Each structure stands twice: as C-alpha cells, then as structure tokens.
Amino acid sequence: MSQPPPEPSPLIPASPAAACWSCGAPLAGRGRRCPACGAAPAPPEPLEIVISPSRRLTLDPERIDLRDLVTLVEESVAYWRRRLDADDQHTRQSAAGEIAALSALLDHLARRLSHGRSLISLAPSAPALRRFDRGCARCGRGNRAAARFCQYCGGGLPDVAGTTRPTEPHVGLAGRTDIGRARAANEDTILLGAVESCPLAIVADGMGGHRAGATASRLSVDGIRQHLAPASGDPGWPERLRRAVMATNQQVYRAARAADQQRGMGSTCVVAVFAERQVHLASVGDSRAYLVNRRGAGDDGAAIVQLTVDHTLVARLVDIGQLSADQARHSPQRNIVYRALGTDATVEVDVRSVDVGPGDRIVLCSDGLSGMLDDAEIAEIVLGAGSADQACEQLIGRANARGGDDNISVIVARIDA
C-alpha cells in the first residue's frame, strides 16, 4: 500500500453499512425490505465531503451533480501538482502518474457534461448475497434461514420456531503474511485466535513512513482483540465489532500524534468472528473478505463474492461506471484509501453478518493479494488446495510470481460439518 500524504487530500466517502431505520437489523445484499421487520428502506442521508479545512461539499448520494464531482477531481489534481515539488523522485513520479489519470477522468466528466448528462449515483454497490433456499410464497425469492419477512417484497415468512437447530460447523483457520518482492519491510499484521471460544481472524495493512506502518497495523490488531471483550447488555457481534474498531481507531490516532516519526501512520483492517453459523465482519480500508463455495457463493452462482466494500477512490469510480474492475486493478490511483484507522479522530466502520455452512471458505486478505490476483484466481486456488494452510501458501506464491508489488497477507477459514 502506498504511503498516505501528510496533508489532507480530497475524499469521496462510501455510504456506511446499511441498517434498517426501523429495527436496526443489517440490510445485506440486494434486498429492498428488512428481513427482520419488513420495513422499506429510508432514503440515504446526504454526504458531506471535506475538500480542504475551509471547504466542504454536501452531496445527495442518489443524485450527484457531475459539476460537484469535477470539483473533487480538480482538487485532487491540485494536490498532486503540489507533490511534484517533493524532494524524492518516487513521489514526483507517482504525482505525475496521478495527474495523468485524473486529467483523463476530468476530460471524460467534461464530455459527459457537454452531452447533457449531469446527474449520477455515487452509492457504493452492495456486496452480492449468496443464494438462500428459503423461498418467499409471494415473490419466490430466497431469504436467510432466520428471516421473518422477505427482504425483497416484505411479505411474511413461515414461522421456523419449531424447526431443528442445525449443529455448529467446524471452522479451521490458517494464515500467512509475506514481505513480497518490492518492499523493504512487512507492514502487514495478521491474527488467528478466538474470542469467547469463537474463531477470530484479523488482517491489517499498515501505512506510514519510517516503518510506522508496521506499528499502525500491530496496534490495530492488538487493539481490536483487546476491545472485543464481553460487552454489557450483549449488543451482538456486529455492534461489538463496530465498537472495538472505533475504540482502536482512537488508540492508533493518539499514537500517531504522540511521536513525530509516527505522524501520518494508519492501517486498514478486516475482522471476522465466526459464531452461531455466521461470519460477522468489520472492515475499514481496502483489506477484503471473500466468500468462496464450489456450489456457488453469489446470487448469480459465482464461486466467489466479495463481502466487504473497498474504501478507495477507484472502487467508487467503478460503482459509477468510470472504470471497469480490470482498469481499477491497474489504475495508478488504486492505492488512494479514503478511510483508515488512525488517520482521523473518528472512523466509519462497515459491519455485516453472513450465514455460513459446510463447504464455505472465507478469505481475508490485504491488497497485496487482491491487487495481484483477480477474484476467479483466488477462488480457483482456495477450492483446489488440500487445506487452508496450503491455500494461503499457494495464494502468496502466485502473488509473488506476479511481481509481489506489496506485502501480502491472507487468512483462509475452512468451514466443515
């Protein structure tokens, strides 16, 4: 991951993880109704974007004026032009590449405006849902086993109180981290452990000069583990994860401001807790979680789906049709992360819960893996490996064979009966 700049750069925030306005239950996937209470979703809140310490821009996620987006791109170009005066050649070369890419985007937006297309949607695409067998009698679509209302049409589902409770599957964890082929130090940190007998996995990708990135990722992993202690009132795993990550953000933020050599440091994180036949996820930044299953993990039958949303500029450009997924993977802007632990006093945390069962594989990884391999390759290796540890070894080997441009970290959870 590239080192974050010491001064603020224009940000394009993603919407927070969706939750029902009525009951607070998570709204995963493409459903249009809350599966817990049947309520229709409320319209999204306006987004406030900080352009500079004295300038802010308020946007409606469903109706973005392209002129406002042009303003953000112009501010980004101005920021990178200032970086052309940096002392080191690497920063100057990076700045030149960023300016070229942003200029092309600016030209494209200007052409769209000239054709009279002034409004777009900037909401991030919801991660895909897997197929669920519990069909709705009204619309016929699948729902999670515990849902009481159809997430698509809001119709009531049959009571399942009397059904047999399935046994808890076995979760086997394996993980590895590797320096890669291009970095002088490994700034990633991973954790394989347990909290209250529930398997716990964390991947954190640090950033910052003078090896401060390694400090940030270590503080992030240690802090999340410590803050996942039992909470009063048992708010449930999603809320516990959210609170743990937010508290950890405060710790990393204070540490970054306490020493000159650590200023500007930060870290991404993706956290998974396996409990009650679900994986509960929390994420900040561009470290990812995937669901892999040979029989189909997505609602389109694909063997792999990404369960988290990347908090990067290129991910939002893919959402609005400005880049393809392949272009995003090779974009010079792919490492511009607008949300990370420790860079601000507060942070938004994406949380979600996904049903899992025998045959499922959950993959957590840093962008050193997802930036070198496409999703289909990750699924092929994970499903073809004889064990979770072999899958980790082969994934890192493939990423290094492609050049190993960044530190590479991966955790594979294998769910069996």
Protein backbone atom coordinates (compact mmCIF):
# COMPACT_ATOMS: atom_id res chain seq x y z
CA MET A 1 0.00 0.00 0.00
CA SER A 2 1.32 3.44 -0.86
CA GLN A 3 2.22 5.83 1.93
CA PRO A 4 -0.57 8.33 2.69
CA PRO A 5 0.22 12.00 2.11
CA PRO A 6 0.86 14.13 5.19
CA GLU A 7 -1.71 16.76 4.12
CA PRO A 8 -5.44 16.22 3.54
CA SER A 9 -6.43 15.17 0.03
CA PRO A 10 -9.97 15.24 -1.40
CA LEU A 11 -12.10 12.39 -0.14
CA ILE A 12 -15.05 10.56 -1.64
CA PRO A 13 -16.71 8.63 1.20
CA ALA A 14 -18.70 5.44 0.82
CA SER A 15 -22.09 5.10 2.43
CA PRO A 16 -21.97 3.34 5.81
CA ALA A 17 -23.05 -0.27 6.11
CA ALA A 18 -26.80 -0.41 5.51
CA ALA A 19 -29.06 -0.96 8.51
CA CYS A 20 -32.83 -0.89 8.89
CA TRP A 21 -34.08 2.50 10.08
CA SER A 22 -36.91 0.80 11.99
CA CYS A 23 -35.28 -2.06 13.90
CA GLY A 24 -31.54 -1.62 13.27
CA ALA A 25 -31.06 -5.05 11.66
CA PRO A 26 -28.36 -5.23 8.93
CA LEU A 27 -29.61 -4.98 5.33
CA ALA A 28 -27.21 -7.22 3.41
CA GLY A 29 -27.13 -7.77 -0.34
CA ARG A 30 -29.68 -6.54 -2.86
CA GLY A 31 -32.84 -6.89 -0.84
CA ARG A 32 -35.27 -3.99 -0.77
CA ARG A 33 -37.00 -4.82 2.53
CA CYS A 34 -35.72 -5.52 6.02
CA PRO A 35 -35.67 -9.32 6.60
CA ALA A 36 -36.31 -8.80 10.33
CA CYS A 37 -39.28 -6.39 10.36
CA GLY A 38 -40.31 -5.98 6.71
CA ALA A 39 -39.82 -2.19 6.67
CA ALA A 40 -38.98 -0.42 3.41
CA PRO A 41 -35.58 1.34 3.42
CA ALA A 42 -35.29 5.03 4.23
CA PRO A 43 -33.65 7.35 1.67
CA PRO A 44 -29.87 7.79 2.11
CA GLU A 45 -28.52 10.68 4.13
CA PRO A 46 -26.60 13.44 2.32
CA LEU A 47 -22.82 13.02 2.20
CA GLU A 48 -20.57 15.81 3.50
CA ILE A 49 -17.16 15.77 1.85
CA VAL A 50 -14.20 17.72 3.23
CA ILE A 51 -12.34 19.28 0.31
CA SER A 52 -10.00 21.36 2.47
CA PRO A 53 -10.03 22.60 6.08
CA SER A 54 -12.20 25.54 4.99
CA ARG A 55 -14.27 23.97 2.21
CA ARG A 56 -16.98 21.34 2.46
CA LEU A 57 -19.33 19.91 -0.14
CA THR A 58 -22.70 18.28 0.61
CA LEU A 59 -23.91 15.65 -1.87
CA ASP A 60 -27.05 13.59 -2.31
CA PRO A 61 -25.78 10.02 -2.99
CA GLU A 62 -28.68 9.27 -5.34
CA ARG A 63 -28.35 12.45 -7.43
CA ILE A 64 -24.72 13.55 -7.74
CA ASP A 65 -24.20 16.61 -9.92
CA LEU A 66 -21.23 15.92 -12.17
CA ARG A 67 -20.09 19.52 -11.67
CA ASP A 68 -19.52 18.70 -7.99
CA LEU A 69 -17.56 15.59 -8.95
CA VAL A 70 -15.46 17.72 -11.31
CA THR A 71 -14.66 19.98 -8.34
CA LEU A 72 -13.36 16.99 -6.37
CA VAL A 73 -11.20 15.80 -9.25
CA GLU A 74 -9.80 19.30 -9.79
CA GLU A 75 -8.87 19.49 -6.09
CA SER A 76 -7.11 16.13 -6.42
CA VAL A 77 -5.14 17.38 -9.42
CA ALA A 78 -4.12 20.50 -7.48
CA TYR A 79 -2.97 18.36 -4.56
CA TRP A 80 -0.78 16.13 -6.76
CA ARG A 81 0.67 19.16 -8.56
CA ARG A 82 2.00 20.35 -5.22
CA ARG A 83 3.60 16.93 -4.75
CA LEU A 84 5.59 17.44 -7.98
CA ASP A 85 7.91 19.63 -5.89
CA ALA A 86 8.78 16.80 -3.49
CA ASP A 87 12.44 16.01 -2.87
CA ASP A 88 12.34 12.31 -3.73
CA GLN A 89 11.96 11.04 -7.28
CA HIS A 90 9.45 8.31 -6.38
CA THR A 91 6.94 10.87 -5.06
CA ARG A 92 7.39 13.05 -8.15
CA GLN A 93 6.85 10.07 -10.47
CA SER A 94 3.76 8.99 -8.52
CA ALA A 95 2.39 12.53 -8.68
CA ALA A 96 2.88 12.68 -12.44
CA GLY A 97 1.02 9.40 -12.88
CA GLU A 98 -1.84 10.51 -10.65
CA ILE A 99 -2.18 13.80 -12.54
CA ALA A 100 -2.32 11.99 -15.89
CA ALA A 101 -5.04 9.60 -14.68
CA LEU A 102 -7.08 12.35 -13.03
CA SER A 103 -6.78 14.54 -16.12
CA ALA A 104 -8.22 11.73 -18.23
CA LEU A 105 -11.10 11.37 -15.77
CA LEU A 106 -11.66 15.13 -15.83
CA ASP A 107 -11.84 15.06 -19.62
CA HIS A 108 -14.37 12.21 -19.50
CA LEU A 109 -16.57 14.05 -16.99
CA ALA A 110 -16.43 17.21 -19.09
CA ARG A 111 -17.58 15.28 -22.17
CA ARG A 112 -20.48 13.79 -20.21
CA LEU A 113 -21.49 17.27 -19.09
CA SER A 114 -21.30 18.54 -22.67
CA HIS A 115 -23.78 15.81 -23.65
CA GLY A 116 -26.24 17.00 -21.04
CA ARG A 117 -25.65 14.14 -18.56
CA SER A 118 -25.35 15.97 -15.28
CA LEU A 119 -26.64 13.54 -12.61
CA ILE A 120 -25.30 10.17 -11.46
CA SER A 121 -25.46 7.93 -8.39
CA LEU A 122 -22.37 7.61 -6.18
CA ALA A 123 -23.63 4.99 -3.71
CA PRO A 124 -21.25 2.01 -3.50
CA SER A 125 -22.51 -1.26 -4.92
CA ALA A 126 -23.81 -3.61 -2.24
CA PRO A 127 -21.79 -6.82 -1.95
CA ALA A 128 -23.66 -9.71 -3.53
CA LEU A 129 -25.81 -12.06 -1.50
CA ARG A 130 -25.41 -15.80 -1.79
CA ARG A 131 -28.37 -17.93 -2.74
CA PHE A 132 -30.77 -18.84 0.05
CA ASP A 133 -33.15 -21.77 -0.19
CA ARG A 134 -35.95 -20.40 2.00
CA GLY A 135 -38.31 -19.05 -0.65
CA CYS A 136 -40.98 -16.37 -0.20
CA ALA A 137 -44.50 -17.51 -1.10
CA ARG A 138 -45.32 -14.05 -2.51
CA CYS A 139 -42.33 -13.32 -4.77
CA GLY A 140 -40.42 -16.63 -4.79
CA ARG A 141 -37.04 -15.16 -3.88
CA GLY A 142 -34.66 -16.70 -1.36
CA ASN A 143 -34.09 -15.49 2.19
CA ARG A 144 -31.86 -16.30 5.14
CA ALA A 145 -32.92 -19.12 7.41
CA ALA A 146 -33.72 -16.83 10.36
CA ALA A 147 -35.61 -14.14 8.39
CA ARG A 148 -39.23 -13.45 9.40
CA PHE A 149 -40.00 -11.11 6.48
CA CYS A 150 -38.91 -11.33 2.84
CA GLN A 151 -36.03 -8.93 2.19
CA TYR A 152 -37.36 -8.21 -1.32
CA CYS A 153 -41.13 -7.77 -1.03
CA GLY A 154 -41.66 -7.52 2.74
CA GLY A 155 -44.04 -10.49 2.84
CA GLY A 156 -44.22 -12.60 5.98
CA LEU A 157 -42.31 -15.89 6.04
CA PRO A 158 -43.45 -19.09 7.79
CA ASP A 159 -42.52 -19.41 11.46
CA VAL A 160 -39.41 -21.54 11.90
CA ALA A 161 -39.50 -21.67 15.69
CA GLY A 162 -40.22 -25.39 15.69
CA THR A 163 -37.53 -26.40 13.24
CA THR A 164 -34.45 -28.35 14.29
CA ARG A 165 -31.50 -26.12 15.13
CA PRO A 166 -28.52 -27.09 12.94
CA THR A 167 -25.26 -28.02 14.61
CA GLU A 168 -22.41 -25.52 14.75
CA PRO A 169 -19.95 -26.20 11.89
CA HIS A 170 -16.22 -26.60 12.45
CA VAL A 171 -14.08 -23.61 11.44
CA GLY A 172 -10.43 -24.24 10.63
CA LEU A 173 -8.18 -21.18 10.32
CA ALA A 174 -4.81 -20.75 8.64
CA GLY A 175 -2.94 -17.59 7.75
CA ARG A 176 0.34 -16.27 6.40
CA THR A 177 1.98 -12.92 5.78
CA ASP A 178 4.85 -12.24 3.39
CA ILE A 179 7.04 -9.22 2.67
CA GLY A 180 6.59 -9.61 -1.10
CA ARG A 181 9.23 -8.81 -3.70
CA ALA A 182 9.30 -5.00 -3.71
CA ARG A 183 9.05 -3.73 -0.11
CA ALA A 184 11.90 -3.24 2.34
CA ALA A 185 9.74 -4.23 5.34
CA ASN A 186 6.48 -6.03 6.06
CA GLU A 187 3.91 -3.54 7.40
CA ASP A 188 1.05 -6.08 7.50
CA THR A 189 -0.09 -7.82 10.69
CA ILE A 190 -2.44 -10.80 10.98
CA LEU A 191 -4.09 -12.55 13.92
CA LEU A 192 -5.52 -16.05 14.25
CA GLY A 193 -7.22 -16.54 17.59
CA ALA A 194 -10.51 -16.82 19.43
CA VAL A 195 -12.83 -14.66 21.49
CA GLU A 196 -15.23 -16.44 23.86
CA SER A 197 -14.41 -19.72 22.06
CA CYS A 198 -15.42 -18.18 18.72
CA PRO A 199 -12.74 -18.23 15.99
CA LEU A 200 -11.30 -14.77 15.34
CA ALA A 201 -9.28 -13.58 12.33
CA ILE A 202 -7.82 -10.13 11.59
CA VAL A 203 -5.78 -8.73 8.70
CA ALA A 204 -4.34 -5.20 8.99
CA ASP A 205 -2.31 -3.38 6.34
CA GLY A 206 -0.27 -0.52 7.75
CA MET A 207 0.91 2.64 6.02
CA GLY A 208 3.29 5.40 7.00
CA GLY A 209 6.96 6.28 6.64
CA HIS A 210 9.92 5.18 8.77
CA ARG A 211 8.29 1.77 9.39
CA ALA A 212 5.38 3.45 11.15
CA GLY A 213 3.02 1.35 9.05
CA ALA A 214 4.12 -1.78 10.88
CA THR A 215 3.42 -0.02 14.18
CA ALA A 216 -0.04 1.04 13.00
CA SER A 217 -1.07 -2.44 11.86
CA ARG A 218 0.24 -4.04 15.07
CA LEU A 219 -1.61 -1.50 17.23
CA SER A 220 -4.75 -2.10 15.18
CA VAL A 221 -4.70 -5.87 15.62
CA ASP A 222 -3.82 -5.72 19.31
CA GLY A 223 -6.44 -3.06 19.99
CA ILE A 224 -9.28 -4.86 18.23
CA ARG A 225 -8.51 -8.08 20.07
CA GLN A 226 -8.46 -6.30 23.43
CA HIS A 227 -11.63 -4.30 22.80
CA LEU A 228 -13.62 -7.39 21.80
CA ALA A 229 -14.07 -8.25 25.47
CA PRO A 230 -17.64 -9.11 26.53
CA ALA A 231 -19.87 -6.04 26.33
CA SER A 232 -22.56 -5.13 28.83
CA GLY A 233 -26.05 -5.87 27.58
CA ASP A 234 -24.70 -8.17 24.83
CA PRO A 235 -25.31 -5.88 21.83
CA GLY A 236 -24.48 -8.67 19.37
CA TRP A 237 -21.37 -9.32 17.34
CA PRO A 238 -21.82 -6.63 14.66
CA GLU A 239 -22.10 -3.86 17.24
CA ARG A 240 -19.29 -5.31 19.35
CA LEU A 241 -17.06 -5.33 16.29
CA ARG A 242 -18.01 -1.77 15.41
CA ARG A 243 -17.22 -0.53 18.93
CA ALA A 244 -13.93 -2.44 19.07
CA VAL A 245 -12.71 -1.00 15.78
CA MET A 246 -13.80 2.55 16.69
CA ALA A 247 -12.03 2.34 20.06
CA THR A 248 -8.91 1.01 18.35
CA ASN A 249 -9.03 3.89 15.89
CA GLN A 250 -8.74 6.29 18.83
CA GLN A 251 -5.66 4.44 20.11
CA VAL A 252 -3.90 4.48 16.75
CA TYR A 253 -4.83 8.14 16.22
CA ARG A 254 -3.35 9.16 19.58
CA ALA A 255 -0.19 7.14 18.92
CA ALA A 256 0.22 8.75 15.50
CA ARG A 257 0.14 12.21 17.07
CA ALA A 258 2.39 11.35 20.00
CA ALA A 259 5.64 10.88 18.05
CA ASP A 260 6.97 12.75 15.03
CA GLN A 261 8.17 9.58 13.31
CA GLN A 262 4.66 8.12 13.52
CA ARG A 263 2.71 11.10 12.20
CA GLY A 264 0.53 10.18 9.26
CA MET A 265 0.54 6.47 10.03
CA GLY A 266 -2.64 4.45 9.67
CA SER A 267 -3.91 0.98 8.89
CA THR A 268 -6.68 -0.83 7.11
CA CYS A 269 -8.36 -3.76 8.82
CA VAL A 270 -10.77 -6.57 8.12
CA VAL A 271 -12.04 -8.60 11.08
CA ALA A 272 -14.03 -11.85 11.14
CA VAL A 273 -15.69 -13.59 14.09
CA PHE A 274 -17.34 -16.98 13.47
CA ALA A 275 -20.32 -17.58 15.75
CA GLU A 276 -23.74 -19.24 15.50
CA ARG A 277 -23.30 -20.39 11.89
CA GLN A 278 -22.45 -16.89 10.73
CA VAL A 279 -19.34 -14.89 9.97
CA HIS A 280 -19.53 -11.41 11.46
CA LEU A 281 -17.34 -8.91 9.61
CA ALA A 282 -15.98 -5.43 10.22
CA SER A 283 -13.81 -3.54 7.74
CA VAL A 284 -12.08 -0.22 7.21
CA GLY A 285 -9.99 0.49 4.11
CA ASP A 286 -9.26 -1.87 1.24
CA SER A 287 -8.41 -5.14 3.01
CA ARG A 288 -11.05 -7.59 1.86
CA ALA A 289 -13.22 -10.52 2.90
CA TYR A 290 -14.44 -13.06 0.34
CA LEU A 291 -16.92 -15.93 0.47
CA VAL A 292 -15.91 -18.91 -1.68
CA ASN A 293 -18.00 -22.01 -2.37
CA ARG A 294 -17.78 -24.53 -5.20
CA ARG A 295 -21.59 -24.79 -5.38
CA GLY A 296 -21.99 -21.03 -5.70
CA ALA A 297 -21.30 -18.18 -3.30
CA GLY A 298 -23.18 -15.36 -5.04
CA ASP A 299 -26.74 -14.83 -6.16
CA ASP A 300 -25.51 -15.32 -9.74
CA GLY A 301 -23.96 -18.71 -8.95
CA ALA A 302 -20.37 -17.39 -8.97
CA ALA A 303 -17.88 -19.36 -6.89
CA ILE A 304 -16.60 -16.22 -5.12
CA VAL A 305 -18.13 -12.96 -3.90
CA GLN A 306 -16.50 -10.03 -2.14
CA LEU A 307 -18.25 -9.44 1.19
CA THR A 308 -16.63 -6.09 2.01
CA VAL A 309 -16.56 -2.72 0.24
CA ASP A 310 -13.21 -1.14 -0.68
CA HIS A 311 -12.89 2.38 0.72
CA THR A 312 -10.84 3.58 -2.25
CA LEU A 313 -11.33 6.17 -4.96
CA VAL A 314 -11.16 3.62 -7.78
CA ALA A 315 -13.86 1.47 -6.15
CA ARG A 316 -16.24 4.42 -6.27
CA LEU A 317 -15.25 5.11 -9.88
CA VAL A 318 -16.14 1.51 -10.72
CA ASP A 319 -19.51 1.99 -9.00
CA ILE A 320 -20.37 4.98 -11.20
CA GLY A 321 -19.15 3.34 -14.39
CA GLN A 322 -15.99 5.41 -14.88
CA LEU A 323 -13.68 2.37 -14.62
CA SER A 324 -14.02 -1.35 -15.21
CA ALA A 325 -12.91 -3.77 -12.49
CA ASP A 326 -9.82 -4.65 -14.54
CA GLN A 327 -8.96 -0.99 -15.11
CA ALA A 328 -9.33 -0.35 -11.38
CA ARG A 329 -6.89 -3.15 -10.57
CA HIS A 330 -4.19 -1.49 -12.72
CA SER A 331 -5.08 2.15 -12.05
CA PRO A 332 -2.29 4.35 -10.64
CA GLN A 333 -4.92 5.61 -8.16
CA ARG A 334 -5.79 2.16 -6.83
CA ASN A 335 -3.98 2.76 -3.51
CA ILE A 336 -5.77 6.00 -2.63
CA VAL A 337 -7.57 4.91 0.54
CA TYR A 338 -10.01 7.43 1.97
CA ARG A 339 -10.85 5.54 5.15
CA ALA A 340 -8.27 4.02 7.53
CA LEU A 341 -7.63 3.51 11.23
CA GLY A 342 -5.65 6.26 12.93
CA THR A 343 -5.76 8.96 10.27
CA ASP A 344 -8.72 10.79 11.87
CA ALA A 345 -10.17 11.01 15.37
CA THR A 346 -13.29 9.11 14.29
CA VAL A 347 -13.91 6.48 11.63
CA GLU A 348 -16.90 4.81 9.99
CA VAL A 349 -16.84 1.03 10.25
CA ASP A 350 -18.63 -1.29 7.83
CA VAL A 351 -20.16 -4.32 9.56
CA ARG A 352 -22.23 -7.20 8.23
CA SER A 353 -23.14 -10.79 9.08
CA VAL A 354 -23.35 -13.64 6.56
CA ASP A 355 -24.67 -17.17 7.04
CA VAL A 356 -22.02 -19.85 6.52
CA GLY A 357 -22.10 -23.63 6.40
CA PRO A 358 -20.14 -26.71 5.35
CA GLY A 359 -18.32 -26.17 2.07
CA ASP A 360 -17.84 -22.44 2.58
CA ARG A 361 -14.44 -20.77 2.63
CA ILE A 362 -13.89 -17.26 3.99
CA VAL A 363 -10.79 -15.44 2.74
CA LEU A 364 -9.40 -12.30 4.41
CA CYS A 365 -6.55 -10.53 2.62
CA SER A 366 -4.61 -7.31 2.20
CA ASP A 367 -4.47 -5.53 -1.14
CA GLY A 368 -1.08 -7.11 -1.74
CA LEU A 369 -3.05 -10.23 -2.70
CA SER A 370 -6.23 -8.80 -4.24
CA GLY A 371 -4.17 -6.31 -6.26
CA MET A 372 -2.14 -9.10 -7.89
CA LEU A 373 -4.79 -11.81 -8.41
CA ASP A 374 -8.31 -11.47 -9.74
CA ASP A 375 -11.25 -12.97 -7.86
CA ALA A 376 -11.52 -16.02 -10.12
CA GLU A 377 -7.88 -16.93 -9.47
CA ILE A 378 -8.36 -16.62 -5.72
CA ALA A 379 -11.38 -18.95 -5.87
CA GLU A 380 -9.53 -21.47 -8.07
CA ILE A 381 -6.60 -21.71 -5.65
CA VAL A 382 -8.73 -21.83 -2.49
CA LEU A 383 -11.04 -24.54 -3.86
CA GLY A 384 -8.18 -26.58 -5.32
CA ALA A 385 -5.99 -26.58 -2.21
CA GLY A 386 -5.99 -29.56 0.12
CA SER A 387 -6.10 -27.43 3.27
CA ALA A 388 -6.49 -23.85 4.42
CA ASP A 389 -2.74 -23.59 5.02
CA GLN A 390 -1.95 -24.87 1.52
CA ALA A 391 -4.37 -22.31 0.10
CA CYS A 392 -2.53 -19.50 1.92
CA GLU A 393 0.85 -20.75 0.72
CA GLN A 394 -0.30 -21.05 -2.90
CA LEU A 395 -2.04 -17.66 -2.92
CA ILE A 396 1.08 -15.89 -1.66
CA GLY A 397 3.24 -17.85 -4.10
CA ARG A 398 1.06 -16.81 -7.03
CA ALA A 399 1.08 -13.14 -5.95
CA ASN A 400 4.87 -13.17 -5.64
CA ALA A 401 5.17 -14.83 -9.04
CA ARG A 402 3.24 -11.89 -10.47
CA GLY A 403 5.75 -9.45 -9.01
CA GLY A 404 4.89 -9.20 -5.31
CA ASP A 405 4.48 -5.43 -5.52
CA ASP A 406 3.29 -5.10 -1.91
CA ASN A 407 3.25 -7.00 1.37
CA ILE A 408 0.92 -9.99 1.05
CA SER A 409 -1.30 -11.26 3.87
CA VAL A 410 -4.08 -13.82 3.73
CA ILE A 411 -6.20 -15.84 6.15
CA VAL A 412 -8.38 -18.72 4.96
CA ALA A 413 -11.21 -20.12 7.08
CA ARG A 414 -12.45 -23.55 6.05
CA ILE A 415 -15.96 -24.40 7.27
CA ASP A 416 -16.76 -28.10 7.55
CA ALA A 417 -19.52 -30.16 9.14
